[in-house]
Amino acid sequence: MKVLKLSAQGLPQAWISLEQAVLHYAAGEVRWESGGEIAVFHGGHNALTGRQSVIAVNSIIGTRGVPVINPFELQPGLTNGKLFVRDRQVCAYCGGHFPEELLTREHIVPCAKGGRDHWMNVVTACRPCNHRKGPRTPEQAHMPLLYAPYVPSLWEDFILRNRRILADQMQFLMAHVPKSSRLLH
């Protein structure tokens, strides 16, 4: 289970472990919290009062300090897993929906022809379509794209990074994704 760590201004910073979240709470770095309580940690007993320390961790925390991520300079890392989620596991050529193990990263302009491994030059394709297109552009292969590639926003990237997002975390992130996001449709 991961905690969604945000800047004090509400910008996503990282998915962190419960233990990392406890360190933020103990250091007094949590400015605000949202979502539900997902864990409670019990510490030692105070020598003077005899009371045990308790830290309750929420699923979303806003922390003090300057944001590590500038959303305007963000270029999300490209992985097959994130690509397949961005494209909803749908082949860009035949429109079929496939399990992840039957999908490939397909370069619209092949690397052999100067195409780059970049969000705007890749789509999800099933193995047969990828093989059929080969080292050609969609136009050369007479295989038009069914959808256009795009670079995910900061909010979309945080959704694409984590497969086990709690409902309140998903609601928070989805409220900020662009209206044109494929994740909404």
C-alpha atoms as a PDB file:
ATOM      1  CA  MET A   1       0.000   0.000   0.000  1.00  0.00           C
ATOM      2  CA  LYS A   2       1.373   3.394  -1.009  1.00  0.00           C
ATOM      3  CA  VAL A   3       0.719   6.913   0.252  1.00  0.00           C
ATOM      4  CA  LEU A   4       0.310   9.723  -2.272  1.00  0.00           C
ATOM      5  CA  LYS A   5       2.763  12.446  -1.212  1.00  0.00           C
ATOM      6  CA  LEU A   6       1.902  15.948  -2.412  1.00  0.00           C
ATOM      7  CA  SER A   7       3.594  19.308  -2.030  1.00  0.00           C
ATOM      8  CA  ALA A   8       1.927  21.760   0.357  1.00  0.00           C
ATOM      9  CA  GLN A   9       0.390  23.311  -2.779  1.00  0.00           C
ATOM     10  CA  GLY A  10      -1.185  19.960  -3.746  1.00  0.00           C
ATOM     11  CA  LEU A  11       1.124  18.875  -6.602  1.00  0.00           C
ATOM     12  CA  PRO A  12       1.948  15.145  -6.713  1.00  0.00           C
ATOM     13  CA  GLN A  13       5.518  14.428  -5.618  1.00  0.00           C
ATOM     14  CA  ALA A  14       5.822  10.663  -5.167  1.00  0.00           C
ATOM     15  CA  TRP A  15       4.223   7.398  -4.184  1.00  0.00           C
ATOM     16  CA  ILE A  16       5.817   6.575  -0.820  1.00  0.00           C
ATOM     17  CA  SER A  17       5.727   3.609   1.555  1.00  0.00           C
ATOM     18  CA  LEU A  18       3.864   3.698   4.867  1.00  0.00           C
ATOM     19  CA  GLU A  19       7.225   3.798   6.644  1.00  0.00           C
ATOM     20  CA  GLN A  20       8.333   6.863   4.644  1.00  0.00           C
ATOM     21  CA  ALA A  21       5.008   8.537   5.476  1.00  0.00           C
ATOM     22  CA  VAL A  22       5.547   7.860   9.196  1.00  0.00           C
ATOM     23  CA  LEU A  23       8.920   9.624   8.965  1.00  0.00           C
ATOM     24  CA  HIS A  24       7.197  12.705   7.474  1.00  0.00           C
ATOM     25  CA  TYR A  25       4.622  12.658  10.304  1.00  0.00           C
ATOM     26  CA  ALA A  26       7.284  12.173  13.016  1.00  0.00           C
ATOM     27  CA  ALA A  27       9.406  15.026  11.606  1.00  0.00           C
ATOM     28  CA  GLY A  28       6.389  17.354  11.613  1.00  0.00           C
ATOM     29  CA  GLU A  29       6.529  17.756   7.831  1.00  0.00           C
ATOM     30  CA  VAL A  30       2.878  16.887   7.130  1.00  0.00           C
ATOM     31  CA  ARG A  31       0.995  20.167   6.596  1.00  0.00           C
ATOM     32  CA  TRP A  32      -2.313  18.590   5.677  1.00  0.00           C
ATOM     33  CA  GLU A  33      -3.853  15.231   4.929  1.00  0.00           C
ATOM     34  CA  SER A  34      -6.749  13.940   2.887  1.00  0.00           C
ATOM     35  CA  GLY A  35      -8.369  10.650   2.093  1.00  0.00           C
ATOM     36  CA  GLY A  36      -8.917   7.939   4.622  1.00  0.00           C
ATOM     37  CA  GLU A  37      -6.758   6.651   7.439  1.00  0.00           C
ATOM     38  CA  ILE A  38      -4.944   3.584   6.115  1.00  0.00           C
ATOM     39  CA  ALA A  39      -2.621   2.592   8.964  1.00  0.00           C
ATOM     40  CA  VAL A  40      -1.865   3.291  12.611  1.00  0.00           C
ATOM     41  CA  PHE A  41       1.639   2.878  14.043  1.00  0.00           C
ATOM     42  CA  HIS A  42       2.307   2.570  17.789  1.00  0.00           C
ATOM     43  CA  GLY A  43       5.645   3.713  19.140  1.00  0.00           C
ATOM     44  CA  GLY A  44       7.323   3.780  22.530  1.00  0.00           C
ATOM     45  CA  HIS A  45       5.967   5.027  25.825  1.00  0.00           C
ATOM     46  CA  ASN A  46       6.788   8.484  27.205  1.00  0.00           C
ATOM     47  CA  ALA A  47       8.886   8.121  30.372  1.00  0.00           C
ATOM     48  CA  LEU A  48       7.107  11.027  32.112  1.00  0.00           C
ATOM     49  CA  THR A  49       3.484  10.508  31.084  1.00  0.00           C
ATOM     50  CA  GLY A  50       3.493   6.801  30.314  1.00  0.00           C
ATOM     51  CA  ARG A  51       1.493   7.471  27.149  1.00  0.00           C
ATOM     52  CA  GLN A  52       2.332   5.555  23.998  1.00  0.00           C
ATOM     53  CA  SER A  53       3.045   7.498  20.819  1.00  0.00           C
ATOM     54  CA  VAL A  54       0.626   6.836  17.980  1.00  0.00           C
ATOM     55  CA  ILE A  55       0.870   7.966  14.350  1.00  0.00           C
ATOM     56  CA  ALA A  56      -2.170   7.573  12.093  1.00  0.00           C
ATOM     57  CA  VAL A  57      -1.313   7.665   8.378  1.00  0.00           C
ATOM     58  CA  ASN A  58      -3.743   8.965   5.768  1.00  0.00           C
ATOM     59  CA  SER A  59      -3.713   7.864   2.126  1.00  0.00           C
ATOM     60  CA  ILE A  60      -2.857  11.393   0.872  1.00  0.00           C
ATOM     61  CA  ILE A  61      -0.472  13.790   2.629  1.00  0.00           C
ATOM     62  CA  GLY A  62       0.683  17.311   1.810  1.00  0.00           C
ATOM     63  CA  THR A  63       4.209  17.991   3.055  1.00  0.00           C
ATOM     64  CA  ARG A  64       6.244  21.101   3.859  1.00  0.00           C
ATOM     65  CA  GLY A  65       9.051  22.274   1.653  1.00  0.00           C
ATOM     66  CA  VAL A  66       9.657  23.228  -1.925  1.00  0.00           C
ATOM     67  CA  PRO A  67       8.180  20.838  -4.519  1.00  0.00           C
ATOM     68  CA  VAL A  68      10.684  18.432  -6.034  1.00  0.00           C
ATOM     69  CA  ILE A  69       8.645  18.197  -9.237  1.00  0.00           C
ATOM     70  CA  ASN A  70       7.935  21.222 -11.410  1.00  0.00           C
ATOM     71  CA  PRO A  71       4.834  20.256 -13.439  1.00  0.00           C
ATOM     72  CA  PHE A  72       5.873  22.532 -16.300  1.00  0.00           C
ATOM     73  CA  GLU A  73       9.232  20.771 -16.730  1.00  0.00           C
ATOM     74  CA  LEU A  74       7.840  17.270 -16.387  1.00  0.00           C
ATOM     75  CA  GLN A  75       8.627  14.658 -18.993  1.00  0.00           C
ATOM     76  CA  PRO A  76       7.178  11.403 -17.646  1.00  0.00           C
ATOM     77  CA  GLY A  77       9.295   8.308 -18.099  1.00  0.00           C
ATOM     78  CA  LEU A  78       8.133   5.974 -20.848  1.00  0.00           C
ATOM     79  CA  THR A  79       7.598   2.335 -19.913  1.00  0.00           C
ATOM     80  CA  ASN A  80       5.563  -0.346 -21.640  1.00  0.00           C
ATOM     81  CA  GLY A  81       3.313  -0.706 -18.595  1.00  0.00           C
ATOM     82  CA  LYS A  82       2.463   3.017 -18.529  1.00  0.00           C
ATOM     83  CA  LEU A  83       2.063   3.098 -22.331  1.00  0.00           C
ATOM     84  CA  PHE A  84      -0.388   0.177 -22.313  1.00  0.00           C
ATOM     85  CA  VAL A  85      -2.470   1.829 -19.555  1.00  0.00           C
ATOM     86  CA  ARG A  86      -2.406   5.194 -21.394  1.00  0.00           C
ATOM     87  CA  ASP A  87      -3.754   3.429 -24.492  1.00  0.00           C
ATOM     88  CA  ARG A  88      -6.187   1.291 -22.446  1.00  0.00           C
ATOM     89  CA  GLN A  89      -4.563  -1.898 -23.817  1.00  0.00           C
ATOM     90  CA  VAL A  90      -6.125  -1.211 -27.219  1.00  0.00           C
ATOM     91  CA  CYS A  91      -4.133  -1.830 -30.411  1.00  0.00           C
ATOM     92  CA  ALA A  92      -3.766   1.432 -32.343  1.00  0.00           C
ATOM     93  CA  TYR A  93      -4.188  -0.413 -35.665  1.00  0.00           C
ATOM     94  CA  CYS A  94      -6.891  -3.072 -35.310  1.00  0.00           C
ATOM     95  CA  GLY A  95      -8.684  -1.664 -32.248  1.00  0.00           C
ATOM     96  CA  GLY A  96      -8.591  -4.963 -30.389  1.00  0.00           C
ATOM     97  CA  HIS A  97      -8.298  -5.055 -26.595  1.00  0.00           C
ATOM     98  CA  PHE A  98      -5.519  -7.397 -25.441  1.00  0.00           C
ATOM     99  CA  PRO A  99      -3.873  -8.592 -22.217  1.00  0.00           C
ATOM    100  CA  GLU A 100      -0.533  -6.906 -21.514  1.00  0.00           C
ATOM    101  CA  GLU A 101       1.546  -9.942 -22.478  1.00  0.00           C
ATOM    102  CA  LEU A 102       0.174  -9.804 -26.042  1.00  0.00           C
ATOM    103  CA  LEU A 103       0.979  -6.115 -26.532  1.00  0.00           C
ATOM    104  CA  THR A 104       4.059  -4.314 -27.850  1.00  0.00           C
ATOM    105  CA  ARG A 105       5.436  -0.785 -27.952  1.00  0.00           C
ATOM    106  CA  GLU A 106       5.039   0.274 -31.570  1.00  0.00           C
ATOM    107  CA  HIS A 107       7.044   3.163 -33.014  1.00  0.00           C
ATOM    108  CA  ILE A 108       4.925   5.206 -35.450  1.00  0.00           C
ATOM    109  CA  VAL A 109       8.058   6.393 -37.242  1.00  0.00           C
ATOM    110  CA  PRO A 110      10.372   3.377 -36.872  1.00  0.00           C
ATOM    111  CA  CYS A 111      13.681   3.881 -35.048  1.00  0.00           C
ATOM    112  CA  ALA A 112      15.419   2.619 -38.208  1.00  0.00           C
ATOM    113  CA  LYS A 113      13.973   5.660 -40.017  1.00  0.00           C
ATOM    114  CA  GLY A 114      14.990   8.178 -37.362  1.00  0.00           C
ATOM    115  CA  GLY A 115      11.959   7.820 -35.094  1.00  0.00           C
ATOM    116  CA  ARG A 116      12.540   8.423 -31.397  1.00  0.00           C
ATOM    117  CA  ASP A 117      11.476   6.404 -28.380  1.00  0.00           C
ATOM    118  CA  HIS A 118       9.165   9.173 -27.123  1.00  0.00           C
ATOM    119  CA  TRP A 119       5.526   9.352 -25.969  1.00  0.00           C
ATOM    120  CA  MET A 120       4.511  11.170 -29.180  1.00  0.00           C
ATOM    121  CA  ASN A 121       6.046   8.473 -31.410  1.00  0.00           C
ATOM    122  CA  VAL A 122       4.746   5.330 -29.704  1.00  0.00           C
ATOM    123  CA  VAL A 123       1.420   3.578 -29.433  1.00  0.00           C
ATOM    124  CA  THR A 124       0.218   0.227 -28.182  1.00  0.00           C
ATOM    125  CA  ALA A 125      -0.037  -2.517 -30.815  1.00  0.00           C
ATOM    126  CA  CYS A 126      -0.859  -6.204 -30.740  1.00  0.00           C
ATOM    127  CA  ARG A 127       1.962  -8.449 -31.920  1.00  0.00           C
ATOM    128  CA  PRO A 128       0.339  -9.346 -35.285  1.00  0.00           C
ATOM    129  CA  CYS A 129      -0.234  -5.678 -36.196  1.00  0.00           C
ATOM    130  CA  ASN A 130       3.264  -4.688 -35.096  1.00  0.00           C
ATOM    131  CA  HIS A 131       4.710  -7.478 -37.239  1.00  0.00           C
ATOM    132  CA  ARG A 132       2.493  -6.561 -40.221  1.00  0.00           C
ATOM    133  CA  LYS A 133       3.478  -2.878 -40.062  1.00  0.00           C
ATOM    134  CA  GLY A 134       7.169  -3.761 -39.769  1.00  0.00           C
ATOM    135  CA  PRO A 135       9.770  -1.009 -40.316  1.00  0.00           C
ATOM    136  CA  ARG A 136       7.323   1.249 -42.192  1.00  0.00           C
ATOM    137  CA  THR A 137       5.234   4.270 -41.256  1.00  0.00           C
ATOM    138  CA  PRO A 138       1.464   3.727 -40.906  1.00  0.00           C
ATOM    139  CA  GLU A 139       0.958   5.419 -44.289  1.00  0.00           C
ATOM    140  CA  GLN A 140       3.506   3.168 -46.024  1.00  0.00           C
ATOM    141  CA  ALA A 141       1.908   0.076 -44.461  1.00  0.00           C
ATOM    142  CA  HIS A 142      -1.657   1.301 -45.245  1.00  0.00           C
ATOM    143  CA  MET A 143      -2.478   0.938 -41.529  1.00  0.00           C
ATOM    144  CA  PRO A 144      -3.972   4.213 -40.241  1.00  0.00           C
ATOM    145  CA  LEU A 145      -3.815   4.957 -36.523  1.00  0.00           C
ATOM    146  CA  LEU A 146      -7.130   4.657 -34.688  1.00  0.00           C
ATOM    147  CA  TYR A 147      -6.019   7.137 -32.017  1.00  0.00           C
ATOM    148  CA  ALA A 148      -3.306   9.740 -31.577  1.00  0.00           C
ATOM    149  CA  PRO A 149      -0.439   9.471 -29.100  1.00  0.00           C
ATOM    150  CA  TYR A 150       0.026  12.088 -26.376  1.00  0.00           C
ATOM    151  CA  VAL A 151       2.340  12.907 -23.480  1.00  0.00           C
ATOM    152  CA  PRO A 152       0.619  12.186 -20.136  1.00  0.00           C
ATOM    153  CA  SER A 153       0.172  15.074 -17.698  1.00  0.00           C
ATOM    154  CA  LEU A 154       1.710  15.020 -14.213  1.00  0.00           C
ATOM    155  CA  TRP A 155      -1.591  13.759 -12.790  1.00  0.00           C
ATOM    156  CA  GLU A 156      -1.981  11.039 -15.433  1.00  0.00           C
ATOM    157  CA  ASP A 157       1.623   9.951 -14.901  1.00  0.00           C
ATOM    158  CA  PHE A 158       0.943   9.346 -11.197  1.00  0.00           C
ATOM    159  CA  ILE A 159      -2.056   7.195 -12.120  1.00  0.00           C
ATOM    160  CA  LEU A 160      -0.022   5.293 -14.726  1.00  0.00           C
ATOM    161  CA  ARG A 161       2.806   4.630 -12.223  1.00  0.00           C
ATOM    162  CA  ASN A 162       0.793   2.776  -9.590  1.00  0.00           C
ATOM    163  CA  ARG A 163      -1.373  -0.281 -10.206  1.00  0.00           C
ATOM    164  CA  ARG A 164      -2.817  -0.351  -6.676  1.00  0.00           C
ATOM    165  CA  ILE A 165      -4.375   3.064  -6.164  1.00  0.00           C
ATOM    166  CA  LEU A 166      -6.899   3.468  -3.369  1.00  0.00           C
ATOM    167  CA  ALA A 167     -10.315   4.894  -4.281  1.00  0.00           C
ATOM    168  CA  ASP A 168      -9.748   8.230  -2.500  1.00  0.00           C
ATOM    169  CA  GLN A 169      -6.323   8.630  -4.132  1.00  0.00           C
ATOM    170  CA  MET A 170      -7.806   7.893  -7.565  1.00  0.00           C
ATOM    171  CA  GLN A 171     -10.625  10.372  -6.990  1.00  0.00           C
ATOM    172  CA  PHE A 172      -8.093  13.072  -6.031  1.00  0.00           C
ATOM    173  CA  LEU A 173      -5.867  12.425  -9.066  1.00  0.00           C
ATOM    174  CA  MET A 174      -8.729  12.030 -11.572  1.00  0.00           C
ATOM    175  CA  ALA A 175     -10.138  15.411 -10.500  1.00  0.00           C
ATOM    176  CA  HIS A 176      -6.990  17.010 -11.970  1.00  0.00           C
ATOM    177  CA  VAL A 177      -6.434  15.106 -15.225  1.00  0.00           C
ATOM    178  CA  PRO A 178      -7.044  17.065 -18.445  1.00  0.00           C
ATOM    179  CA  LYS A 179     -10.561  16.773 -19.877  1.00  0.00           C
ATOM    180  CA  SER A 180      -9.043  15.269 -23.038  1.00  0.00           C
ATOM    181  CA  SER A 181      -7.368  12.420 -21.124  1.00  0.00           C
ATOM    182  CA  ARG A 182      -7.977   8.904 -22.393  1.00  0.00           C
ATOM    183  CA  LEU A 183      -8.120   7.840 -18.742  1.00  0.00           C
ATOM    184  CA  LEU A 184     -11.505   9.578 -18.442  1.00  0.00           C
ATOM    185  CA  HIS A 185     -13.136   7.768 -21.349  1.00  0.00           C
END
